[in-house]
Amino acid sequence: MLLSATVGISAVLLARNVLFSILRDTGVFFTTLAQESLTVVQNEPVSFSTAGVDVPGGYHSYQLVATVTNPVRNVADAVGPVTFTRISLQ
């Protein structure tokens, strides 16, 4: 199984740190930290992929969550595009 995501981020000030998490059902499956040095009001896409092995059979729900980890220094908004795909190989 391959999960891929791209999220367009707009930062207002300084550098922003955004923690991206992929949840499978109710638990965290994958996390990655995007650390970018952006100037005032700059848009930039963030992309990442992960592979899963030994995924139990049946239906699973997946969620993509983004959290700003340094909100005192910065605010970041998801401005798009946002894509989140899953490919399953058997």
N, C-alpha and C. Protein backbone atom coordinates (compact mmCIF):
# COMPACT_ATOMS: atom_id res chain seq x y z
N MET A 1 0.83 -1.15 0.00
CA MET A 1 0.00 0.00 0.00
C MET A 1 0.89 1.23 0.00
N LEU A 2 0.54 2.22 -0.79
CA LEU A 2 1.28 3.47 -0.88
C LEU A 2 0.33 4.62 -0.60
N LEU A 3 0.71 5.49 0.33
CA LEU A 3 -0.04 6.70 0.65
C LEU A 3 0.79 7.89 0.24
N SER A 4 0.18 8.84 -0.47
CA SER A 4 0.87 10.05 -0.90
C SER A 4 -0.01 11.26 -0.61
N ALA A 5 0.65 12.37 -0.26
CA ALA A 5 -0.08 13.61 0.03
C ALA A 5 0.71 14.81 -0.46
N THR A 6 -0.02 15.82 -0.89
CA THR A 6 0.54 17.13 -1.22
C THR A 6 -0.40 18.16 -0.63
N VAL A 7 0.18 19.11 0.11
CA VAL A 7 -0.62 20.17 0.74
C VAL A 7 0.05 21.49 0.44
N GLY A 8 -0.71 22.43 -0.12
CA GLY A 8 -0.22 23.78 -0.34
C GLY A 8 -0.33 24.57 0.95
N ILE A 9 0.81 25.12 1.41
CA ILE A 9 0.86 25.84 2.69
C ILE A 9 1.20 27.30 2.42
N SER A 10 0.54 28.19 3.15
CA SER A 10 0.87 29.61 3.11
C SER A 10 1.32 30.03 4.50
N ALA A 11 2.54 30.54 4.59
CA ALA A 11 3.07 31.01 5.87
C ALA A 11 3.02 32.53 5.89
N VAL A 12 2.72 33.07 7.05
CA VAL A 12 2.57 34.52 7.18
C VAL A 12 3.86 35.18 7.62
N LEU A 13 4.60 34.57 8.51
CA LEU A 13 5.83 35.17 9.04
C LEU A 13 6.88 34.10 9.29
N LEU A 14 8.12 34.44 9.09
CA LEU A 14 9.25 33.61 9.48
C LEU A 14 9.15 32.17 8.97
N ALA A 15 9.75 31.25 9.70
CA ALA A 15 9.73 29.84 9.33
C ALA A 15 8.58 29.16 10.03
N ARG A 16 8.02 28.16 9.41
CA ARG A 16 6.93 27.41 10.04
C ARG A 16 7.29 25.95 10.08
N ASN A 17 6.83 25.30 11.13
CA ASN A 17 6.98 23.86 11.28
C ASN A 17 5.58 23.26 11.31
N VAL A 18 5.33 22.36 10.39
CA VAL A 18 4.02 21.71 10.32
C VAL A 18 4.23 20.20 10.45
N LEU A 19 3.58 19.61 11.43
CA LEU A 19 3.63 18.16 11.63
C LEU A 19 2.45 17.55 10.88
N PHE A 20 2.76 16.69 9.90
CA PHE A 20 1.73 15.98 9.16
C PHE A 20 1.62 14.57 9.72
N SER A 21 0.40 14.14 10.00
CA SER A 21 0.15 12.79 10.50
C SER A 21 -0.88 12.11 9.62
N ILE A 22 -0.66 10.84 9.35
CA ILE A 22 -1.66 10.02 8.67
C ILE A 22 -2.19 9.05 9.70
N LEU A 23 -3.48 9.05 9.89
CA LEU A 23 -4.14 8.15 10.82
C LEU A 23 -4.81 7.03 10.06
N ARG A 24 -4.65 5.81 10.53
CA ARG A 24 -5.38 4.66 9.97
C ARG A 24 -6.34 4.20 11.06
N ASP A 25 -7.61 4.20 10.72
CA ASP A 25 -8.67 3.90 11.68
C ASP A 25 -8.57 4.89 12.84
N THR A 26 -8.09 4.49 14.02
CA THR A 26 -8.03 5.42 15.15
C THR A 26 -6.61 5.71 15.63
N GLY A 27 -5.61 5.15 14.96
CA GLY A 27 -4.23 5.32 15.43
C GLY A 27 -3.34 6.01 14.41
N VAL A 28 -2.26 6.60 14.90
CA VAL A 28 -1.29 7.25 14.02
C VAL A 28 -0.49 6.19 13.28
N PHE A 29 -0.46 6.30 11.96
CA PHE A 29 0.22 5.36 11.08
C PHE A 29 1.59 5.91 10.65
N PHE A 30 1.66 7.25 10.45
CA PHE A 30 2.86 7.87 9.91
C PHE A 30 2.88 9.34 10.30
N THR A 31 4.07 9.88 10.60
CA THR A 31 4.22 11.32 10.83
C THR A 31 5.48 11.81 10.14
N THR A 32 5.45 13.07 9.74
CA THR A 32 6.62 13.74 9.19
C THR A 32 6.53 15.21 9.52
N LEU A 33 7.67 15.84 9.74
CA LEU A 33 7.72 17.26 10.09
C LEU A 33 8.25 18.04 8.91
N ALA A 34 7.48 19.01 8.45
CA ALA A 34 7.90 19.89 7.36
C ALA A 34 8.43 21.18 7.97
N GLN A 35 9.70 21.44 7.77
CA GLN A 35 10.32 22.66 8.27
C GLN A 35 10.79 23.47 7.07
N GLU A 36 10.21 24.60 6.90
CA GLU A 36 10.53 25.43 5.74
C GLU A 36 10.91 26.83 6.19
N SER A 37 11.82 27.45 5.48
CA SER A 37 12.16 28.84 5.72
C SER A 37 11.44 29.68 4.67
N LEU A 38 10.36 30.28 5.09
CA LEU A 38 9.56 31.09 4.17
C LEU A 38 9.61 32.54 4.60
N THR A 39 9.49 33.41 3.64
CA THR A 39 9.43 34.83 3.95
C THR A 39 7.97 35.23 4.16
N VAL A 40 7.72 36.50 4.26
CA VAL A 40 6.36 36.99 4.52
C VAL A 40 5.43 36.60 3.38
N VAL A 41 4.34 35.96 3.72
CA VAL A 41 3.26 35.55 2.82
C VAL A 41 3.80 34.85 1.56
N GLN A 42 4.22 33.62 1.73
CA GLN A 42 4.71 32.82 0.62
C GLN A 42 3.97 31.49 0.61
N ASN A 43 3.57 31.05 -0.57
CA ASN A 43 2.88 29.77 -0.71
C ASN A 43 3.88 28.72 -1.21
N GLU A 44 3.75 27.52 -0.65
CA GLU A 44 4.66 26.45 -1.05
C GLU A 44 3.98 25.10 -0.85
N PRO A 45 4.11 24.18 -1.81
CA PRO A 45 3.56 22.83 -1.63
C PRO A 45 4.51 21.94 -0.83
N VAL A 46 3.94 21.10 0.00
CA VAL A 46 4.69 20.10 0.76
C VAL A 46 4.17 18.74 0.32
N SER A 47 5.07 17.84 -0.10
CA SER A 47 4.69 16.51 -0.57
C SER A 47 5.44 15.44 0.22
N PHE A 48 4.77 14.32 0.45
CA PHE A 48 5.42 13.19 1.11
C PHE A 48 4.66 11.92 0.77
N SER A 49 5.34 10.79 0.92
CA SER A 49 4.76 9.46 0.66
C SER A 49 5.26 8.49 1.71
N THR A 50 4.48 7.45 1.93
CA THR A 50 4.90 6.37 2.82
C THR A 50 4.29 5.07 2.32
N ALA A 51 4.94 3.99 2.63
CA ALA A 51 4.45 2.66 2.23
C ALA A 51 4.08 1.88 3.48
N GLY A 52 3.03 1.11 3.38
CA GLY A 52 2.61 0.25 4.48
C GLY A 52 2.68 -1.21 4.06
N VAL A 53 3.16 -2.05 4.94
CA VAL A 53 3.20 -3.49 4.69
C VAL A 53 2.45 -4.19 5.80
N ASP A 54 2.01 -5.38 5.52
CA ASP A 54 1.26 -6.18 6.50
C ASP A 54 0.04 -5.45 7.04
N VAL A 55 -0.67 -4.75 6.16
CA VAL A 55 -1.91 -4.07 6.56
C VAL A 55 -3.00 -5.13 6.69
N PRO A 56 -3.69 -5.18 7.83
CA PRO A 56 -4.75 -6.18 8.01
C PRO A 56 -5.83 -6.03 6.93
N GLY A 57 -6.42 -7.14 6.54
CA GLY A 57 -7.48 -7.10 5.54
C GLY A 57 -8.71 -6.38 6.07
N GLY A 58 -9.59 -5.99 5.16
CA GLY A 58 -10.83 -5.33 5.54
C GLY A 58 -10.81 -3.85 5.23
N TYR A 59 -11.84 -3.18 5.70
CA TYR A 59 -12.00 -1.74 5.46
C TYR A 59 -11.19 -0.93 6.48
N HIS A 60 -10.50 0.11 6.00
CA HIS A 60 -9.75 1.00 6.87
C HIS A 60 -10.02 2.44 6.43
N SER A 61 -10.17 3.32 7.40
CA SER A 61 -10.31 4.74 7.08
C SER A 61 -8.97 5.43 7.33
N TYR A 62 -8.65 6.38 6.47
CA TYR A 62 -7.41 7.13 6.57
C TYR A 62 -7.73 8.61 6.66
N GLN A 63 -6.96 9.32 7.50
CA GLN A 63 -7.13 10.76 7.65
C GLN A 63 -5.76 11.42 7.57
N LEU A 64 -5.74 12.62 7.01
CA LEU A 64 -4.53 13.43 6.94
C LEU A 64 -4.74 14.62 7.88
N VAL A 65 -3.82 14.79 8.85
CA VAL A 65 -3.93 15.85 9.84
C VAL A 65 -2.66 16.69 9.79
N ALA A 66 -2.82 18.02 9.81
CA ALA A 66 -1.68 18.94 9.84
C ALA A 66 -1.77 19.80 11.10
N THR A 67 -0.64 19.92 11.82
CA THR A 67 -0.60 20.70 13.05
C THR A 67 0.61 21.62 13.02
N VAL A 68 0.40 22.92 13.25
CA VAL A 68 1.51 23.86 13.35
C VAL A 68 2.16 23.65 14.71
N THR A 69 3.47 23.37 14.72
CA THR A 69 4.15 23.05 15.97
C THR A 69 4.81 24.27 16.63
N ASN A 70 4.88 25.38 15.92
CA ASN A 70 5.45 26.60 16.51
C ASN A 70 4.48 27.77 16.31
N PRO A 71 3.26 27.71 16.87
CA PRO A 71 2.25 28.73 16.60
C PRO A 71 2.58 30.11 17.18
N VAL A 72 3.46 30.17 18.16
CA VAL A 72 3.81 31.48 18.73
C VAL A 72 4.57 32.31 17.70
N ARG A 73 5.42 31.65 16.95
CA ARG A 73 6.24 32.35 15.95
C ARG A 73 5.56 32.49 14.61
N ASN A 74 4.54 31.71 14.35
CA ASN A 74 4.04 31.67 12.98
C ASN A 74 2.63 31.12 12.91
N VAL A 75 1.98 31.43 11.82
CA VAL A 75 0.69 30.86 11.48
C VAL A 75 0.82 30.32 10.07
N ALA A 76 0.32 29.14 9.83
CA ALA A 76 0.34 28.55 8.49
C ALA A 76 -1.08 28.12 8.14
N ASP A 77 -1.45 28.34 6.90
CA ASP A 77 -2.77 27.95 6.41
C ASP A 77 -2.61 26.99 5.25
N ALA A 78 -3.52 26.02 5.17
CA ALA A 78 -3.58 25.16 3.99
C ALA A 78 -4.35 25.92 2.93
N VAL A 79 -3.68 26.26 1.84
CA VAL A 79 -4.31 27.05 0.79
C VAL A 79 -4.57 26.22 -0.46
N GLY A 80 -4.10 24.99 -0.48
CA GLY A 80 -4.34 24.11 -1.60
C GLY A 80 -3.23 24.20 -2.62
N PRO A 81 -3.17 23.27 -3.49
CA PRO A 81 -4.07 22.12 -3.55
C PRO A 81 -3.78 21.13 -2.42
N VAL A 82 -4.78 20.35 -2.08
CA VAL A 82 -4.61 19.27 -1.11
C VAL A 82 -4.99 17.97 -1.82
N THR A 83 -4.04 17.06 -1.92
CA THR A 83 -4.33 15.75 -2.50
C THR A 83 -3.88 14.69 -1.49
N PHE A 84 -4.65 13.63 -1.41
CA PHE A 84 -4.34 12.53 -0.50
C PHE A 84 -4.81 11.26 -1.18
N THR A 85 -3.86 10.40 -1.56
CA THR A 85 -4.21 9.21 -2.33
C THR A 85 -3.65 7.95 -1.66
N ARG A 86 -4.34 6.86 -1.92
CA ARG A 86 -3.92 5.54 -1.42
C ARG A 86 -4.00 4.56 -2.58
N ILE A 87 -2.92 3.83 -2.78
CA ILE A 87 -2.90 2.79 -3.79
C ILE A 87 -2.61 1.47 -3.09
N SER A 88 -3.43 0.49 -3.36
CA SER A 88 -3.26 -0.82 -2.73
C SER A 88 -2.84 -1.83 -3.78
N LEU A 89 -1.78 -2.55 -3.50
CA LEU A 89 -1.29 -3.58 -4.41
C LEU A 89 -1.42 -4.94 -3.74
N GLN A 90 -1.85 -5.91 -4.49
CA GLN A 90 -2.00 -7.25 -3.93
C GLN A 90 -1.12 -8.24 -4.66
